[in-house]
Amino acid sequence: MSFDIFVQDIPAAAKGVEDIPEDFVPKPIGARSVVVASIRKVAPGVRFSSPEWATIDGDGYSIELNLGLDDPVTAFDFHLYGGEGALFLIADILDELGVRALTPGTESGLFEVDRTSEGFLQWQKYRNQVGSL
């Protein structure tokens, strides 16, 4: 079971998902080569198993990235396994790309390391409880 973070163009003024207009059409994040280069810059150990899937292993966590095959990249997902240290790496990748992300477990629905950590910890408790059944 993974903790998922969904990356796409989100209006800069949006403080939460309720602030995203219903008719909002996200712009592409960027050319595939630029997105991959940005990820490699922040996470040099990233391994691409295919053009659409990559893995980053860190101390106590693993992240799968699903970039899809679109060029330009319009959206992509992080699938986090393990500890919350990955949230900081994800924040660095988002900063490098100049994009924002959606995530479960926060009041706003937006990825913010401090607030997402709370949602992540709740998800971890749930994952651990379900895993012990």
N, C-alpha and C. Protein backbone atom coordinates (compact mmCIF):
# COMPACT_ATOMS: atom_id res chain seq x y z
N MET A 1 0.86 -1.16 0.00
CA MET A 1 0.00 0.00 0.00
C MET A 1 0.91 1.23 0.00
N SER A 2 0.61 2.18 -0.86
CA SER A 2 1.43 3.38 -0.97
C SER A 2 0.67 4.62 -0.56
N PHE A 3 1.44 5.63 -0.17
CA PHE A 3 0.91 6.97 0.07
C PHE A 3 1.15 7.71 -1.24
N ASP A 4 0.08 8.23 -1.84
CA ASP A 4 0.17 8.77 -3.19
C ASP A 4 0.09 10.29 -3.22
N ILE A 5 0.90 10.87 -4.09
CA ILE A 5 0.96 12.32 -4.28
C ILE A 5 0.84 12.56 -5.78
N PHE A 6 -0.09 13.41 -6.17
CA PHE A 6 -0.42 13.62 -7.58
C PHE A 6 0.05 15.01 -8.02
N VAL A 7 0.98 15.05 -8.96
CA VAL A 7 1.60 16.29 -9.42
C VAL A 7 0.93 16.77 -10.70
N GLN A 8 0.58 18.05 -10.70
CA GLN A 8 0.04 18.67 -11.91
C GLN A 8 0.12 20.18 -11.73
N ASP A 9 -0.20 20.89 -12.78
CA ASP A 9 -0.29 22.34 -12.69
C ASP A 9 -1.49 22.68 -11.80
N ILE A 10 -1.23 23.45 -10.77
CA ILE A 10 -2.27 23.90 -9.84
C ILE A 10 -2.15 25.42 -9.75
N PRO A 11 -3.27 26.15 -9.80
CA PRO A 11 -3.17 27.60 -9.74
C PRO A 11 -2.36 28.07 -8.52
N ALA A 12 -1.46 29.01 -8.75
CA ALA A 12 -0.58 29.50 -7.68
C ALA A 12 -1.36 30.08 -6.51
N ALA A 13 -2.50 30.68 -6.78
CA ALA A 13 -3.28 31.33 -5.73
C ALA A 13 -4.11 30.34 -4.91
N ALA A 14 -4.23 29.11 -5.36
CA ALA A 14 -5.07 28.13 -4.66
C ALA A 14 -4.46 27.78 -3.31
N LYS A 15 -5.25 27.96 -2.26
CA LYS A 15 -4.83 27.60 -0.90
C LYS A 15 -5.36 26.21 -0.54
N GLY A 16 -6.25 25.68 -1.37
CA GLY A 16 -6.83 24.36 -1.18
C GLY A 16 -7.50 23.92 -2.47
N VAL A 17 -7.90 22.65 -2.53
CA VAL A 17 -8.53 22.16 -3.75
C VAL A 17 -9.83 22.89 -4.06
N GLU A 18 -10.49 23.39 -3.02
CA GLU A 18 -11.74 24.12 -3.25
C GLU A 18 -11.51 25.44 -3.98
N ASP A 19 -10.26 25.92 -4.01
CA ASP A 19 -9.93 27.16 -4.71
C ASP A 19 -9.59 26.94 -6.19
N ILE A 20 -9.56 25.70 -6.63
CA ILE A 20 -9.27 25.41 -8.03
C ILE A 20 -10.59 25.48 -8.80
N PRO A 21 -10.69 26.41 -9.76
CA PRO A 21 -11.95 26.55 -10.50
C PRO A 21 -12.32 25.26 -11.22
N GLU A 22 -13.62 24.98 -11.29
CA GLU A 22 -14.09 23.76 -11.95
C GLU A 22 -13.68 23.70 -13.41
N ASP A 23 -13.55 24.86 -14.05
CA ASP A 23 -13.19 24.89 -15.47
C ASP A 23 -11.68 25.04 -15.69
N PHE A 24 -10.89 24.91 -14.63
CA PHE A 24 -9.44 25.06 -14.74
C PHE A 24 -8.86 23.93 -15.59
N VAL A 25 -8.03 24.29 -16.55
CA VAL A 25 -7.35 23.31 -17.40
C VAL A 25 -5.86 23.40 -17.09
N PRO A 26 -5.29 22.37 -16.47
CA PRO A 26 -3.86 22.41 -16.12
C PRO A 26 -2.97 22.52 -17.36
N LYS A 27 -1.91 23.30 -17.24
CA LYS A 27 -0.91 23.39 -18.31
C LYS A 27 0.07 22.23 -18.15
N PRO A 28 0.77 21.88 -19.22
CA PRO A 28 1.80 20.84 -19.09
C PRO A 28 2.88 21.27 -18.10
N ILE A 29 3.47 20.28 -17.43
CA ILE A 29 4.56 20.54 -16.49
C ILE A 29 5.82 20.90 -17.25
N GLY A 30 6.07 20.20 -18.35
CA GLY A 30 7.24 20.48 -19.17
C GLY A 30 7.61 19.32 -20.05
N ALA A 31 8.60 19.55 -20.89
CA ALA A 31 9.09 18.50 -21.77
C ALA A 31 9.60 17.34 -20.92
N ARG A 32 9.37 16.15 -21.39
CA ARG A 32 9.77 14.94 -20.67
C ARG A 32 11.25 14.99 -20.29
N SER A 33 12.10 15.41 -21.22
CA SER A 33 13.55 15.45 -20.95
C SER A 33 13.87 16.43 -19.82
N VAL A 34 13.15 17.53 -19.72
CA VAL A 34 13.37 18.52 -18.66
C VAL A 34 12.90 17.96 -17.32
N VAL A 35 11.75 17.30 -17.31
CA VAL A 35 11.23 16.71 -16.07
C VAL A 35 12.18 15.64 -15.56
N VAL A 36 12.64 14.77 -16.45
CA VAL A 36 13.56 13.70 -16.05
C VAL A 36 14.88 14.30 -15.54
N ALA A 37 15.40 15.31 -16.24
CA ALA A 37 16.65 15.96 -15.82
C ALA A 37 16.49 16.62 -14.45
N SER A 38 15.35 17.22 -14.20
CA SER A 38 15.10 17.86 -12.90
C SER A 38 15.04 16.83 -11.78
N ILE A 39 14.40 15.71 -12.04
CA ILE A 39 14.33 14.64 -11.04
C ILE A 39 15.73 14.10 -10.78
N ARG A 40 16.51 13.87 -11.83
CA ARG A 40 17.88 13.37 -11.68
C ARG A 40 18.77 14.36 -10.92
N LYS A 41 18.54 15.64 -11.11
CA LYS A 41 19.33 16.67 -10.42
C LYS A 41 19.12 16.57 -8.91
N VAL A 42 17.87 16.41 -8.49
CA VAL A 42 17.53 16.36 -7.07
C VAL A 42 17.80 14.97 -6.48
N ALA A 43 17.55 13.94 -7.28
CA ALA A 43 17.70 12.56 -6.82
C ALA A 43 18.60 11.80 -7.80
N PRO A 44 19.91 12.01 -7.73
CA PRO A 44 20.81 11.39 -8.71
C PRO A 44 20.76 9.87 -8.73
N GLY A 45 20.28 9.24 -7.68
CA GLY A 45 20.20 7.79 -7.63
C GLY A 45 18.92 7.21 -8.23
N VAL A 46 18.09 8.06 -8.82
CA VAL A 46 16.84 7.57 -9.40
C VAL A 46 17.15 6.54 -10.49
N ARG A 47 16.33 5.48 -10.51
CA ARG A 47 16.50 4.42 -11.52
C ARG A 47 15.23 4.34 -12.35
N PHE A 48 15.38 4.46 -13.65
CA PHE A 48 14.24 4.33 -14.56
C PHE A 48 14.20 2.90 -15.08
N SER A 49 13.14 2.16 -14.70
CA SER A 49 12.97 0.78 -15.17
C SER A 49 12.32 0.74 -16.55
N SER A 50 11.70 1.84 -16.92
CA SER A 50 11.08 2.02 -18.23
C SER A 50 10.92 3.52 -18.43
N PRO A 51 10.53 3.96 -19.61
CA PRO A 51 10.35 5.40 -19.81
C PRO A 51 9.30 6.03 -18.88
N GLU A 52 8.36 5.21 -18.40
CA GLU A 52 7.29 5.77 -17.58
C GLU A 52 7.42 5.52 -16.08
N TRP A 53 8.29 4.60 -15.66
CA TRP A 53 8.40 4.25 -14.25
C TRP A 53 9.82 4.44 -13.74
N ALA A 54 9.93 5.01 -12.54
CA ALA A 54 11.23 5.21 -11.89
C ALA A 54 11.11 4.89 -10.41
N THR A 55 12.25 4.62 -9.78
CA THR A 55 12.30 4.32 -8.35
C THR A 55 13.42 5.11 -7.72
N ILE A 56 13.13 5.66 -6.54
CA ILE A 56 14.14 6.32 -5.72
C ILE A 56 14.13 5.63 -4.37
N ASP A 57 15.28 5.07 -3.97
CA ASP A 57 15.39 4.44 -2.66
C ASP A 57 16.20 5.35 -1.75
N GLY A 58 15.68 5.57 -0.55
CA GLY A 58 16.37 6.39 0.43
C GLY A 58 16.45 5.67 1.76
N ASP A 59 16.92 6.38 2.75
CA ASP A 59 17.07 5.81 4.08
C ASP A 59 15.68 5.61 4.71
N GLY A 60 15.19 4.39 4.68
CA GLY A 60 13.91 4.06 5.29
C GLY A 60 12.70 4.28 4.41
N TYR A 61 12.91 4.55 3.13
CA TYR A 61 11.77 4.75 2.23
C TYR A 61 12.12 4.35 0.80
N SER A 62 11.07 4.19 0.02
CA SER A 62 11.19 3.98 -1.42
C SER A 62 10.07 4.78 -2.08
N ILE A 63 10.40 5.39 -3.21
CA ILE A 63 9.42 6.16 -3.96
C ILE A 63 9.36 5.60 -5.37
N GLU A 64 8.16 5.30 -5.85
CA GLU A 64 7.96 4.99 -7.26
C GLU A 64 7.37 6.22 -7.92
N LEU A 65 7.85 6.53 -9.11
CA LEU A 65 7.30 7.64 -9.88
C LEU A 65 6.66 7.07 -11.14
N ASN A 66 5.45 7.47 -11.39
CA ASN A 66 4.77 7.09 -12.62
C ASN A 66 4.68 8.35 -13.47
N LEU A 67 5.58 8.48 -14.46
CA LEU A 67 5.60 9.66 -15.32
C LEU A 67 4.66 9.55 -16.50
N GLY A 68 4.15 8.36 -16.77
CA GLY A 68 3.35 8.17 -17.97
C GLY A 68 4.23 8.30 -19.20
N LEU A 69 3.61 8.40 -20.36
CA LEU A 69 4.37 8.47 -21.61
C LEU A 69 4.17 9.79 -22.36
N ASP A 70 3.36 10.69 -21.81
CA ASP A 70 3.09 11.96 -22.49
C ASP A 70 4.35 12.81 -22.59
N ASP A 71 4.50 13.50 -23.71
CA ASP A 71 5.55 14.49 -23.87
C ASP A 71 4.94 15.64 -24.65
N PRO A 72 4.72 16.76 -23.97
CA PRO A 72 5.19 17.11 -22.65
C PRO A 72 4.43 16.36 -21.54
N VAL A 73 5.07 16.29 -20.37
CA VAL A 73 4.46 15.66 -19.21
C VAL A 73 3.35 16.58 -18.70
N THR A 74 2.16 16.04 -18.54
CA THR A 74 1.03 16.85 -18.07
C THR A 74 0.76 16.63 -16.58
N ALA A 75 1.15 15.48 -16.07
CA ALA A 75 0.94 15.14 -14.66
C ALA A 75 1.75 13.88 -14.38
N PHE A 76 2.05 13.64 -13.10
CA PHE A 76 2.67 12.38 -12.71
C PHE A 76 2.42 12.13 -11.25
N ASP A 77 2.73 10.91 -10.81
CA ASP A 77 2.42 10.48 -9.45
C ASP A 77 3.68 10.00 -8.74
N PHE A 78 3.72 10.28 -7.44
CA PHE A 78 4.69 9.67 -6.53
C PHE A 78 3.93 8.64 -5.71
N HIS A 79 4.49 7.46 -5.56
CA HIS A 79 3.92 6.42 -4.71
C HIS A 79 4.98 6.13 -3.64
N LEU A 80 4.70 6.54 -2.42
CA LEU A 80 5.66 6.48 -1.33
C LEU A 80 5.42 5.25 -0.47
N TYR A 81 6.51 4.54 -0.18
CA TYR A 81 6.50 3.39 0.72
C TYR A 81 7.51 3.65 1.81
N GLY A 82 7.18 3.33 3.05
CA GLY A 82 8.13 3.47 4.14
C GLY A 82 7.95 4.75 4.91
N GLY A 83 9.07 5.35 5.32
CA GLY A 83 9.07 6.48 6.23
C GLY A 83 8.85 7.83 5.58
N GLU A 84 8.60 8.82 6.45
CA GLU A 84 8.23 10.15 5.99
C GLU A 84 9.41 10.99 5.47
N GLY A 85 10.63 10.49 5.58
CA GLY A 85 11.78 11.23 5.05
C GLY A 85 11.64 11.53 3.57
N ALA A 86 10.90 10.69 2.86
CA ALA A 86 10.69 10.89 1.42
C ALA A 86 9.93 12.18 1.11
N LEU A 87 9.13 12.64 2.06
CA LEU A 87 8.34 13.86 1.82
C LEU A 87 9.24 15.05 1.52
N PHE A 88 10.40 15.11 2.16
CA PHE A 88 11.32 16.23 1.95
C PHE A 88 11.96 16.15 0.57
N LEU A 89 12.30 14.95 0.12
CA LEU A 89 12.84 14.78 -1.23
C LEU A 89 11.79 15.15 -2.26
N ILE A 90 10.56 14.72 -2.04
CA ILE A 90 9.47 15.07 -2.96
C ILE A 90 9.29 16.58 -3.02
N ALA A 91 9.35 17.25 -1.87
CA ALA A 91 9.24 18.71 -1.84
C ALA A 91 10.36 19.35 -2.66
N ASP A 92 11.57 18.81 -2.57
CA ASP A 92 12.69 19.35 -3.35
C ASP A 92 12.48 19.16 -4.85
N ILE A 93 11.95 18.00 -5.24
CA ILE A 93 11.67 17.75 -6.66
C ILE A 93 10.59 18.71 -7.16
N LEU A 94 9.54 18.90 -6.37
CA LEU A 94 8.47 19.83 -6.76
C LEU A 94 9.02 21.25 -6.90
N ASP A 95 9.87 21.67 -5.96
CA ASP A 95 10.48 23.00 -6.04
C ASP A 95 11.33 23.14 -7.29
N GLU A 96 12.12 22.12 -7.61
CA GLU A 96 12.97 22.16 -8.80
C GLU A 96 12.14 22.31 -10.07
N LEU A 97 10.99 21.63 -10.10
CA LEU A 97 10.11 21.69 -11.26
C LEU A 97 9.19 22.92 -11.24
N GLY A 98 9.07 23.57 -10.09
CA GLY A 98 8.18 24.72 -9.98
C GLY A 98 6.71 24.35 -10.07
N VAL A 99 6.36 23.19 -9.50
CA VAL A 99 4.97 22.73 -9.55
C VAL A 99 4.48 22.40 -8.14
N ARG A 100 3.20 22.15 -8.06
CA ARG A 100 2.57 21.76 -6.79
C ARG A 100 1.91 20.40 -6.98
N ALA A 101 1.38 19.87 -5.87
CA ALA A 101 0.80 18.53 -5.94
C ALA A 101 -0.41 18.42 -5.02
N LEU A 102 -1.22 17.44 -5.32
CA LEU A 102 -2.39 17.09 -4.52
C LEU A 102 -2.03 15.87 -3.67
N THR A 103 -2.57 15.82 -2.46
CA THR A 103 -2.29 14.69 -1.59
C THR A 103 -3.44 14.46 -0.63
N PRO A 104 -3.66 13.22 -0.24
CA PRO A 104 -4.72 12.94 0.74
C PRO A 104 -4.26 13.29 2.15
N GLY A 105 -5.20 13.42 3.03
CA GLY A 105 -4.89 13.55 4.44
C GLY A 105 -4.60 14.95 4.94
N THR A 106 -4.76 15.95 4.10
CA THR A 106 -4.59 17.33 4.56
C THR A 106 -5.91 18.06 4.38
N GLU A 107 -6.12 19.08 5.20
CA GLU A 107 -7.36 19.85 5.07
C GLU A 107 -7.46 20.51 3.71
N SER A 108 -6.33 21.00 3.20
CA SER A 108 -6.35 21.71 1.92
C SER A 108 -6.39 20.76 0.72
N GLY A 109 -5.90 19.53 0.90
CA GLY A 109 -5.78 18.60 -0.21
C GLY A 109 -4.52 18.82 -1.03
N LEU A 110 -3.71 19.81 -0.62
CA LEU A 110 -2.48 20.13 -1.34
C LEU A 110 -1.27 19.63 -0.57
N PHE A 111 -0.21 19.30 -1.31
CA PHE A 111 1.03 18.84 -0.70
C PHE A 111 1.77 20.02 -0.08
N GLU A 112 1.99 19.93 1.23
CA GLU A 112 2.80 20.88 1.98
C GLU A 112 3.49 20.01 3.02
N VAL A 113 4.83 20.03 3.04
CA VAL A 113 5.56 19.06 3.87
C VAL A 113 5.03 19.01 5.30
N ASP A 114 4.88 20.15 5.97
CA ASP A 114 4.46 20.11 7.37
C ASP A 114 3.05 19.55 7.52
N ARG A 115 2.14 19.97 6.70
CA ARG A 115 0.76 19.47 6.81
C ARG A 115 0.61 18.07 6.23
N THR A 116 1.36 17.78 5.18
CA THR A 116 1.29 16.44 4.60
C THR A 116 1.86 15.42 5.57
N SER A 117 2.85 15.81 6.37
CA SER A 117 3.42 14.90 7.37
C SER A 117 2.34 14.38 8.30
N GLU A 118 1.43 15.26 8.71
CA GLU A 118 0.33 14.83 9.59
C GLU A 118 -0.53 13.77 8.90
N GLY A 119 -0.90 14.05 7.65
CA GLY A 119 -1.70 13.09 6.89
C GLY A 119 -0.96 11.80 6.63
N PHE A 120 0.34 11.92 6.39
CA PHE A 120 1.16 10.74 6.16
C PHE A 120 1.21 9.86 7.41
N LEU A 121 1.38 10.48 8.57
CA LEU A 121 1.43 9.71 9.82
C LEU A 121 0.12 8.99 10.08
N GLN A 122 -1.00 9.65 9.76
CA GLN A 122 -2.30 8.99 9.90
C GLN A 122 -2.39 7.80 8.95
N TRP A 123 -1.92 8.00 7.72
CA TRP A 123 -1.93 6.91 6.74
C TRP A 123 -1.06 5.76 7.22
N GLN A 124 0.13 6.06 7.79
CA GLN A 124 1.01 5.02 8.31
C GLN A 124 0.33 4.19 9.39
N LYS A 125 -0.36 4.87 10.31
CA LYS A 125 -1.09 4.15 11.37
C LYS A 125 -2.12 3.20 10.75
N TYR A 126 -2.86 3.71 9.78
CA TYR A 126 -3.87 2.89 9.11
C TYR A 126 -3.21 1.70 8.41
N ARG A 127 -2.13 1.97 7.67
CA ARG A 127 -1.41 0.91 6.94
C ARG A 127 -0.92 -0.17 7.90
N ASN A 128 -0.36 0.26 9.02
CA ASN A 128 0.16 -0.69 10.00
C ASN A 128 -0.96 -1.51 10.64
N GLN A 129 -2.10 -0.86 10.88
CA GLN A 129 -3.24 -1.56 11.48
C GLN A 129 -3.81 -2.58 10.50
N VAL A 130 -3.98 -2.19 9.25
CA VAL A 130 -4.52 -3.10 8.24
C VAL A 130 -3.55 -4.24 7.99
N GLY A 131 -2.25 -3.93 7.98
CA GLY A 131 -1.24 -4.96 7.74
C GLY A 131 -1.15 -5.99 8.84
N SER A 132 -1.62 -5.65 10.04
CA SER A 132 -1.54 -6.60 11.14
C SER A 132 -2.81 -7.45 11.28
N LEU A 133 -3.79 -7.18 10.44
CA LEU A 133 -5.03 -7.99 10.51
C LEU A 133 -4.87 -9.34 9.89
